[in-house]
């Protein structure tokens, strides 16, 4: 079984598009540091996200913070920093993170990374979602993406 650590954004957007259960279907269990749980429950988070983290599913494990003074992680937000530090400590197989700087930092530490788009791609490969429909929902959120990346992903799945 893979050890998967998640940052805030993939969870947030999967909740918002109505497909948070994909994490369970794809990875069985997911672990988040307490900092990520705090970000998900912050008053600035969408109400659906706040409600979801108030009653987390059994497949989600929330763990205490891991101290880190790693200079490579200093410029990241608390959730990213905590997710990567936890990934390093637990020797995670995969970190779910969307932000470029966070992704680059995790990769530099030898941890494989994927984000919301990668999760949707994997779910579409396994026929768990209607990718065009989910992408349309994602576009209705404040998710930032490169248009070419989304168009390429949709084209790839149309051709399969």
N, C-alpha and C. Protein backbone atom coordinates (compact mmCIF):
# COMPACT_ATOMS: atom_id res chain seq x y z
N UNK A 1 0.85 -1.18 0.00
CA UNK A 1 0.00 0.00 0.00
C UNK A 1 0.89 1.25 0.00
N UNK A 2 0.51 2.22 -0.81
CA UNK A 2 1.26 3.47 -0.89
C UNK A 2 1.03 4.33 0.34
N UNK A 3 2.07 5.02 0.77
CA UNK A 3 1.92 6.02 1.82
C UNK A 3 1.76 7.35 1.12
N UNK A 4 0.58 7.92 1.21
CA UNK A 4 0.24 9.16 0.50
C UNK A 4 -0.03 10.26 1.50
N UNK A 5 0.65 11.39 1.32
CA UNK A 5 0.48 12.58 2.15
C UNK A 5 -0.18 13.64 1.27
N UNK A 6 -1.13 14.38 1.82
CA UNK A 6 -1.80 15.41 1.02
C UNK A 6 -1.62 16.80 1.62
N UNK A 7 -1.46 17.75 0.74
CA UNK A 7 -1.52 19.16 1.08
C UNK A 7 -2.98 19.59 0.96
N UNK A 8 -3.24 20.83 1.26
CA UNK A 8 -4.59 21.36 1.31
C UNK A 8 -5.30 21.40 -0.04
N UNK A 9 -4.63 21.92 -1.07
CA UNK A 9 -5.34 22.22 -2.31
C UNK A 9 -5.97 21.02 -3.01
N UNK A 10 -5.32 19.88 -3.16
CA UNK A 10 -6.02 18.77 -3.82
C UNK A 10 -7.29 18.34 -3.07
N UNK A 11 -7.22 18.33 -1.76
CA UNK A 11 -8.41 17.97 -0.98
C UNK A 11 -9.50 19.02 -1.20
N UNK A 12 -9.13 20.26 -1.10
CA UNK A 12 -10.09 21.36 -1.28
C UNK A 12 -10.83 21.24 -2.61
N UNK A 13 -10.07 21.08 -3.70
CA UNK A 13 -10.71 21.06 -5.02
C UNK A 13 -11.48 19.78 -5.28
N UNK A 14 -11.03 18.66 -4.75
CA UNK A 14 -11.81 17.44 -4.91
C UNK A 14 -13.13 17.51 -4.14
N UNK A 15 -13.11 18.16 -2.99
CA UNK A 15 -14.38 18.38 -2.27
C UNK A 15 -15.28 19.28 -3.11
N UNK A 16 -14.73 20.35 -3.64
CA UNK A 16 -15.54 21.32 -4.39
C UNK A 16 -16.14 20.75 -5.67
N UNK A 17 -15.45 19.80 -6.30
CA UNK A 17 -16.01 19.20 -7.52
C UNK A 17 -16.84 17.96 -7.23
N UNK A 18 -16.97 17.62 -5.95
CA UNK A 18 -17.81 16.50 -5.55
C UNK A 18 -17.18 15.13 -5.75
N UNK A 19 -15.84 15.05 -5.74
CA UNK A 19 -15.17 13.78 -5.96
C UNK A 19 -14.04 13.50 -4.97
N UNK A 20 -14.22 13.90 -3.74
CA UNK A 20 -13.20 13.66 -2.72
C UNK A 20 -12.96 12.16 -2.50
N UNK A 21 -13.99 11.35 -2.75
CA UNK A 21 -13.86 9.91 -2.55
C UNK A 21 -12.83 9.28 -3.49
N UNK A 22 -12.42 10.00 -4.53
CA UNK A 22 -11.39 9.47 -5.42
C UNK A 22 -10.11 9.15 -4.67
N UNK A 23 -9.80 9.95 -3.65
CA UNK A 23 -8.58 9.68 -2.89
C UNK A 23 -8.63 8.30 -2.26
N UNK A 24 -9.77 7.94 -1.72
CA UNK A 24 -9.93 6.62 -1.12
C UNK A 24 -9.87 5.53 -2.19
N UNK A 25 -10.54 5.74 -3.31
CA UNK A 25 -10.56 4.74 -4.38
C UNK A 25 -9.17 4.54 -4.99
N UNK A 26 -8.41 5.60 -5.10
CA UNK A 26 -7.09 5.51 -5.73
C UNK A 26 -5.98 5.09 -4.78
N UNK A 27 -6.07 5.52 -3.51
CA UNK A 27 -4.95 5.33 -2.60
C UNK A 27 -5.29 4.60 -1.30
N UNK A 28 -6.51 4.21 -1.09
CA UNK A 28 -6.99 3.57 0.14
C UNK A 28 -6.98 4.53 1.33
N UNK A 29 -5.79 4.95 1.77
CA UNK A 29 -5.71 5.90 2.87
C UNK A 29 -4.84 7.09 2.47
N UNK A 30 -5.12 8.21 3.09
CA UNK A 30 -4.36 9.44 2.86
C UNK A 30 -4.07 10.04 4.24
N UNK A 31 -2.88 10.56 4.40
CA UNK A 31 -2.48 11.18 5.66
C UNK A 31 -2.26 12.67 5.42
N UNK A 32 -2.73 13.47 6.37
CA UNK A 32 -2.47 14.91 6.33
C UNK A 32 -1.92 15.36 7.67
N UNK A 33 -1.03 16.35 7.64
CA UNK A 33 -0.58 16.93 8.91
C UNK A 33 -1.68 17.83 9.47
N UNK A 34 -1.63 18.07 10.75
CA UNK A 34 -2.63 18.89 11.41
C UNK A 34 -2.73 20.29 10.79
N UNK A 35 -1.62 20.80 10.27
CA UNK A 35 -1.65 22.13 9.63
C UNK A 35 -2.58 22.14 8.42
N UNK A 36 -2.60 21.06 7.67
CA UNK A 36 -3.51 20.97 6.53
C UNK A 36 -4.95 20.92 7.01
N UNK A 37 -5.22 20.16 8.06
CA UNK A 37 -6.57 20.13 8.62
C UNK A 37 -7.00 21.53 9.08
N UNK A 38 -6.07 22.27 9.65
CA UNK A 38 -6.38 23.64 10.08
C UNK A 38 -6.72 24.53 8.88
N UNK A 39 -5.95 24.40 7.80
CA UNK A 39 -6.24 25.20 6.61
C UNK A 39 -7.60 24.84 6.01
N UNK A 40 -7.93 23.56 6.04
CA UNK A 40 -9.22 23.13 5.50
C UNK A 40 -10.40 23.62 6.34
N UNK A 41 -10.17 23.80 7.63
CA UNK A 41 -11.25 24.26 8.51
C UNK A 41 -11.23 25.76 8.76
N UNK A 42 -10.28 26.46 8.17
CA UNK A 42 -10.18 27.91 8.34
C UNK A 42 -11.46 28.59 7.84
N UNK A 43 -11.90 29.66 8.51
CA UNK A 43 -13.11 30.37 8.07
C UNK A 43 -13.05 30.88 6.63
N UNK A 44 -11.85 31.04 6.08
CA UNK A 44 -11.74 31.49 4.69
C UNK A 44 -11.94 30.35 3.68
N UNK A 45 -11.93 29.12 4.16
CA UNK A 45 -12.15 27.97 3.27
C UNK A 45 -13.63 27.91 2.89
N UNK A 46 -13.94 27.37 1.72
CA UNK A 46 -15.34 27.23 1.32
C UNK A 46 -16.12 26.40 2.35
N UNK A 47 -17.38 26.75 2.58
CA UNK A 47 -18.19 26.01 3.57
C UNK A 47 -18.20 24.50 3.36
N UNK A 48 -18.25 24.05 2.11
CA UNK A 48 -18.26 22.60 1.85
C UNK A 48 -16.98 21.94 2.35
N UNK A 49 -15.87 22.64 2.20
CA UNK A 49 -14.57 22.11 2.64
C UNK A 49 -14.53 22.09 4.17
N UNK A 50 -14.98 23.16 4.79
CA UNK A 50 -15.03 23.21 6.25
C UNK A 50 -15.90 22.08 6.80
N UNK A 51 -17.05 21.87 6.18
CA UNK A 51 -17.97 20.81 6.64
C UNK A 51 -17.34 19.44 6.48
N UNK A 52 -16.63 19.23 5.37
CA UNK A 52 -16.01 17.93 5.13
C UNK A 52 -14.96 17.60 6.18
N UNK A 53 -14.11 18.56 6.51
CA UNK A 53 -13.04 18.28 7.48
C UNK A 53 -13.58 18.18 8.91
N UNK A 54 -14.75 18.74 9.16
CA UNK A 54 -15.35 18.61 10.50
C UNK A 54 -15.69 17.15 10.81
N UNK A 55 -16.03 16.38 9.78
CA UNK A 55 -16.34 14.95 9.94
C UNK A 55 -15.54 14.16 8.92
N UNK A 56 -14.23 14.08 9.12
CA UNK A 56 -13.40 13.42 8.11
C UNK A 56 -13.72 11.93 7.99
N UNK A 57 -13.54 11.39 6.80
CA UNK A 57 -13.80 9.96 6.60
C UNK A 57 -12.74 9.09 7.29
N UNK A 58 -13.08 7.84 7.49
CA UNK A 58 -12.17 6.91 8.17
C UNK A 58 -10.86 6.72 7.41
N UNK A 59 -10.86 6.92 6.10
CA UNK A 59 -9.65 6.70 5.30
C UNK A 59 -8.65 7.86 5.41
N UNK A 60 -9.04 8.95 6.07
CA UNK A 60 -8.14 10.10 6.24
C UNK A 60 -7.51 10.05 7.63
N UNK A 61 -6.20 10.11 7.66
CA UNK A 61 -5.47 10.13 8.93
C UNK A 61 -4.87 11.52 9.13
N UNK A 62 -5.17 12.14 10.26
CA UNK A 62 -4.62 13.45 10.60
C UNK A 62 -3.58 13.23 11.68
N UNK A 63 -2.34 13.70 11.43
CA UNK A 63 -1.25 13.47 12.37
C UNK A 63 -0.65 14.79 12.85
N UNK A 64 0.03 14.72 13.96
CA UNK A 64 0.66 15.91 14.53
C UNK A 64 1.75 16.46 13.64
N UNK A 65 2.09 17.67 13.92
CA UNK A 65 3.11 18.40 13.16
C UNK A 65 4.47 17.73 13.29
N UNK A 66 5.28 17.97 12.28
CA UNK A 66 6.67 17.53 12.27
C UNK A 66 7.52 18.79 12.21
N UNK A 67 8.41 18.95 13.16
CA UNK A 67 9.27 20.13 13.15
C UNK A 67 10.28 20.04 12.01
N UNK A 68 10.47 21.18 11.36
CA UNK A 68 11.49 21.24 10.32
C UNK A 68 12.08 22.63 10.27
N UNK A 69 13.36 22.68 10.10
CA UNK A 69 14.03 23.97 9.88
C UNK A 69 14.77 23.92 8.55
N UNK A 70 14.28 23.06 7.67
CA UNK A 70 14.89 22.89 6.36
C UNK A 70 14.77 24.18 5.56
N UNK A 71 15.88 24.78 5.16
CA UNK A 71 15.84 26.04 4.40
C UNK A 71 15.08 25.93 3.09
N UNK A 72 15.05 24.74 2.50
CA UNK A 72 14.35 24.55 1.22
C UNK A 72 12.84 24.66 1.38
N UNK A 73 12.35 24.58 2.62
CA UNK A 73 10.90 24.61 2.86
C UNK A 73 10.43 25.94 3.45
N UNK A 74 11.35 26.82 3.77
CA UNK A 74 11.01 28.07 4.46
C UNK A 74 10.01 28.95 3.73
N UNK A 75 10.10 29.03 2.42
CA UNK A 75 9.25 29.94 1.65
C UNK A 75 7.90 29.36 1.29
N UNK A 76 7.59 28.19 1.80
CA UNK A 76 6.31 27.55 1.51
C UNK A 76 5.28 27.91 2.57
N UNK A 77 4.00 27.75 2.23
CA UNK A 77 2.99 28.03 3.25
C UNK A 77 2.99 26.89 4.27
N UNK A 78 2.38 27.11 5.44
CA UNK A 78 2.46 26.11 6.52
C UNK A 78 1.98 24.71 6.12
N UNK A 79 0.90 24.62 5.35
CA UNK A 79 0.40 23.31 4.94
C UNK A 79 1.37 22.57 4.04
N UNK A 80 1.91 23.28 3.07
CA UNK A 80 2.90 22.67 2.16
C UNK A 80 4.13 22.22 2.93
N UNK A 81 4.64 23.12 3.76
CA UNK A 81 5.84 22.82 4.55
C UNK A 81 5.61 21.59 5.43
N UNK A 82 4.46 21.55 6.09
CA UNK A 82 4.15 20.42 6.98
C UNK A 82 3.96 19.12 6.20
N UNK A 83 3.30 19.19 5.04
CA UNK A 83 3.08 17.98 4.24
C UNK A 83 4.41 17.41 3.75
N UNK A 84 5.28 18.28 3.28
CA UNK A 84 6.58 17.81 2.79
C UNK A 84 7.44 17.28 3.94
N UNK A 85 7.46 17.99 5.06
CA UNK A 85 8.23 17.53 6.21
C UNK A 85 7.73 16.16 6.68
N UNK A 86 6.41 15.99 6.69
CA UNK A 86 5.83 14.70 7.08
C UNK A 86 6.20 13.62 6.06
N UNK A 87 6.14 13.99 4.79
CA UNK A 87 6.52 13.05 3.74
C UNK A 87 7.95 12.58 3.87
N UNK A 88 8.84 13.51 4.22
CA UNK A 88 10.25 13.16 4.42
C UNK A 88 10.39 12.23 5.61
N UNK A 89 9.76 12.60 6.72
CA UNK A 89 9.88 11.81 7.95
C UNK A 89 9.34 10.39 7.77
N UNK A 90 8.17 10.28 7.12
CA UNK A 90 7.53 8.98 6.98
C UNK A 90 7.97 8.21 5.73
N UNK A 91 8.85 8.84 4.93
CA UNK A 91 9.29 8.24 3.67
C UNK A 91 8.09 7.94 2.77
N UNK A 92 7.29 8.97 2.55
CA UNK A 92 6.07 8.84 1.75
C UNK A 92 6.39 8.41 0.32
N UNK A 93 5.48 7.70 -0.26
CA UNK A 93 5.59 7.30 -1.66
C UNK A 93 5.14 8.42 -2.59
N UNK A 94 4.20 9.25 -2.09
CA UNK A 94 3.59 10.27 -2.93
C UNK A 94 3.07 11.41 -2.07
N UNK A 95 3.26 12.63 -2.57
CA UNK A 95 2.65 13.81 -1.94
C UNK A 95 1.70 14.43 -2.96
N UNK A 96 0.50 14.74 -2.49
CA UNK A 96 -0.49 15.40 -3.32
C UNK A 96 -0.38 16.89 -3.05
N UNK A 97 0.05 17.64 -4.05
CA UNK A 97 0.29 19.07 -3.88
C UNK A 97 0.17 19.75 -5.24
N UNK A 98 -0.44 20.90 -5.28
CA UNK A 98 -0.65 21.61 -6.55
C UNK A 98 0.36 22.72 -6.81
N UNK A 99 0.79 23.40 -5.80
CA UNK A 99 1.62 24.59 -5.98
C UNK A 99 2.99 24.22 -6.52
N UNK A 100 3.46 25.00 -7.47
CA UNK A 100 4.73 24.71 -8.15
C UNK A 100 5.92 24.68 -7.19
N UNK A 101 6.01 25.69 -6.33
CA UNK A 101 7.16 25.73 -5.41
C UNK A 101 7.15 24.54 -4.47
N UNK A 102 5.96 24.20 -3.97
CA UNK A 102 5.85 23.05 -3.08
C UNK A 102 6.18 21.75 -3.80
N UNK A 103 5.70 21.63 -5.03
CA UNK A 103 5.99 20.43 -5.82
C UNK A 103 7.49 20.30 -6.06
N UNK A 104 8.12 21.41 -6.43
CA UNK A 104 9.56 21.39 -6.70
C UNK A 104 10.34 21.02 -5.44
N UNK A 105 9.91 21.55 -4.30
CA UNK A 105 10.60 21.24 -3.05
C UNK A 105 10.47 19.76 -2.70
N UNK A 106 9.28 19.20 -2.88
CA UNK A 106 9.08 17.78 -2.58
C UNK A 106 9.90 16.91 -3.52
N UNK A 107 9.90 17.23 -4.80
CA UNK A 107 10.68 16.46 -5.77
C UNK A 107 12.17 16.54 -5.43
N UNK A 108 12.63 17.73 -5.00
CA UNK A 108 14.04 17.88 -4.64
C UNK A 108 14.41 17.02 -3.43
N UNK A 109 13.42 16.63 -2.65
CA UNK A 109 13.64 15.76 -1.49
C UNK A 109 13.45 14.29 -1.85
N UNK A 110 13.22 14.02 -3.14
CA UNK A 110 13.11 12.64 -3.58
C UNK A 110 11.72 12.03 -3.45
N UNK A 111 10.71 12.86 -3.30
CA UNK A 111 9.35 12.35 -3.14
C UNK A 111 8.57 12.60 -4.42
N UNK A 112 7.87 11.59 -4.88
CA UNK A 112 7.03 11.72 -6.06
C UNK A 112 5.85 12.62 -5.73
N UNK A 113 5.44 13.41 -6.72
CA UNK A 113 4.37 14.40 -6.51
C UNK A 113 3.32 14.29 -7.61
N UNK A 114 2.09 14.47 -7.24
CA UNK A 114 1.03 14.71 -8.21
C UNK A 114 0.06 15.69 -7.56
N UNK A 115 -0.76 16.30 -8.39
CA UNK A 115 -1.71 17.28 -7.90
C UNK A 115 -3.12 16.92 -8.31
N UNK A 116 -4.00 17.90 -8.22
CA UNK A 116 -5.41 17.69 -8.54
C UNK A 116 -5.58 17.16 -9.96
N UNK A 117 -4.88 17.75 -10.92
CA UNK A 117 -5.00 17.31 -12.31
C UNK A 117 -4.50 15.88 -12.47
N UNK A 118 -3.41 15.55 -11.82
CA UNK A 118 -2.89 14.19 -11.88
C UNK A 118 -3.85 13.18 -11.28
N UNK A 119 -4.51 13.56 -10.19
CA UNK A 119 -5.51 12.69 -9.57
C UNK A 119 -6.67 12.46 -10.52
N UNK A 120 -7.14 13.54 -11.16
CA UNK A 120 -8.24 13.41 -12.12
C UNK A 120 -7.84 12.56 -13.32
N UNK A 121 -6.61 12.72 -13.77
CA UNK A 121 -6.10 11.92 -14.88
C UNK A 121 -6.12 10.43 -14.51
N UNK A 122 -5.58 10.10 -13.35
CA UNK A 122 -5.55 8.72 -12.89
C UNK A 122 -6.97 8.16 -12.74
N UNK A 123 -7.86 8.96 -12.18
CA UNK A 123 -9.26 8.53 -12.00
C UNK A 123 -9.93 8.29 -13.36
N UNK A 124 -9.64 9.14 -14.33
CA UNK A 124 -10.22 8.96 -15.67
C UNK A 124 -9.65 7.71 -16.33
N UNK A 125 -8.36 7.45 -16.14
CA UNK A 125 -7.74 6.23 -16.69
C UNK A 125 -8.43 4.99 -16.15
N UNK A 126 -8.87 5.07 -14.91
CA UNK A 126 -9.53 3.92 -14.26
C UNK A 126 -11.05 3.96 -14.41
N UNK A 127 -11.52 4.88 -15.23
CA UNK A 127 -12.95 5.03 -15.52
C UNK A 127 -13.79 5.30 -14.27
N UNK A 128 -13.23 6.07 -13.35
CA UNK A 128 -13.94 6.42 -12.12
C UNK A 128 -14.73 7.73 -12.25
N UNK A 129 -14.40 8.53 -13.26
CA UNK A 129 -15.07 9.82 -13.44
C UNK A 129 -15.33 10.09 -14.92
N UNK A 130 -16.23 11.01 -15.15
CA UNK A 130 -16.45 11.60 -16.48
C UNK A 130 -15.56 12.84 -16.50
N UNK A 131 -14.38 12.71 -17.08
CA UNK A 131 -13.36 13.76 -17.00
C UNK A 131 -13.87 15.12 -17.50
N UNK A 132 -14.48 15.22 -18.68
CA UNK A 132 -14.93 16.55 -19.14
C UNK A 132 -15.90 17.21 -18.15
N UNK A 133 -16.78 16.43 -17.56
CA UNK A 133 -17.73 16.97 -16.59
C UNK A 133 -17.01 17.48 -15.34
N UNK A 134 -16.06 16.72 -14.84
CA UNK A 134 -15.34 17.12 -13.63
C UNK A 134 -14.46 18.34 -13.92
N UNK A 135 -13.85 18.39 -15.09
CA UNK A 135 -13.03 19.55 -15.46
C UNK A 135 -13.90 20.80 -15.52
N UNK A 136 -15.10 20.67 -16.05
CA UNK A 136 -16.01 21.83 -16.08
C UNK A 136 -16.32 22.32 -14.67
N UNK A 137 -16.54 21.40 -13.74
CA UNK A 137 -16.77 21.78 -12.35
C UNK A 137 -15.54 22.46 -11.76
N UNK A 138 -14.37 21.92 -12.07
CA UNK A 138 -13.13 22.49 -11.57
C UNK A 138 -12.95 23.92 -12.07
N UNK A 139 -13.31 24.16 -13.31
CA UNK A 139 -13.19 25.50 -13.88
C UNK A 139 -14.10 26.51 -13.17
N UNK A 140 -15.14 26.04 -12.50
CA UNK A 140 -16.06 26.93 -11.78
C UNK A 140 -15.51 27.34 -10.42
N UNK A 141 -14.39 26.75 -10.02
CA UNK A 141 -13.74 27.11 -8.75
C UNK A 141 -12.63 28.12 -9.05
N UNK A 142 -11.86 28.46 -8.04
CA UNK A 142 -10.72 29.36 -8.26
C UNK A 142 -9.43 28.60 -8.53
N UNK A 143 -9.53 27.35 -8.95
CA UNK A 143 -8.36 26.54 -9.28
C UNK A 143 -7.60 27.19 -10.43
N UNK A 144 -6.29 27.34 -10.24
CA UNK A 144 -5.45 27.93 -11.29
C UNK A 144 -4.80 26.82 -12.10
N UNK A 145 -4.87 26.97 -13.41
CA UNK A 145 -4.33 25.94 -14.30
C UNK A 145 -3.89 26.58 -15.61
N UNK A 146 -3.04 25.86 -16.29
CA UNK A 146 -2.66 26.28 -17.63
C UNK A 146 -3.65 25.68 -18.61
N UNK A 147 -4.22 26.51 -19.44
CA UNK A 147 -5.24 26.08 -20.39
C UNK A 147 -4.74 24.91 -21.25
N UNK A 148 -3.48 25.00 -21.70
CA UNK A 148 -2.93 23.95 -22.55
C UNK A 148 -2.89 22.60 -21.83
N UNK A 149 -2.63 22.63 -20.53
CA UNK A 149 -2.55 21.39 -19.78
C UNK A 149 -3.92 20.71 -19.71
N UNK A 150 -4.94 21.49 -19.43
CA UNK A 150 -6.30 20.94 -19.35
C UNK A 150 -6.74 20.44 -20.73
N UNK A 151 -6.50 21.24 -21.75
CA UNK A 151 -6.90 20.83 -23.11
C UNK A 151 -6.16 19.56 -23.53
N UNK A 152 -4.87 19.46 -23.19
CA UNK A 152 -4.10 18.26 -23.51
C UNK A 152 -4.64 17.03 -22.79
N UNK A 153 -4.99 17.20 -21.53
CA UNK A 153 -5.53 16.09 -20.75
C UNK A 153 -6.85 15.62 -21.34
N UNK A 154 -7.73 16.55 -21.66
CA UNK A 154 -9.02 16.18 -22.25
C UNK A 154 -8.84 15.49 -23.60
N UNK A 155 -7.92 16.01 -24.41
CA UNK A 155 -7.66 15.41 -25.72
C UNK A 155 -7.11 13.99 -25.56
N UNK A 156 -6.21 13.82 -24.62
CA UNK A 156 -5.61 12.50 -24.38
C UNK A 156 -6.70 11.48 -24.04
N UNK A 157 -7.66 11.87 -23.20
CA UNK A 157 -8.70 10.93 -22.78
C UNK A 157 -9.77 10.75 -23.85
N UNK A 158 -9.95 11.73 -24.72
CA UNK A 158 -10.87 11.57 -25.85
C UNK A 158 -10.33 10.52 -26.81
N UNK A 159 -9.01 10.47 -26.94
CA UNK A 159 -8.37 9.57 -27.88
C UNK A 159 -8.26 8.15 -27.37
N UNK A 160 -8.59 7.91 -26.12
CA UNK A 160 -8.44 6.56 -25.54
C UNK A 160 -9.69 5.73 -25.73
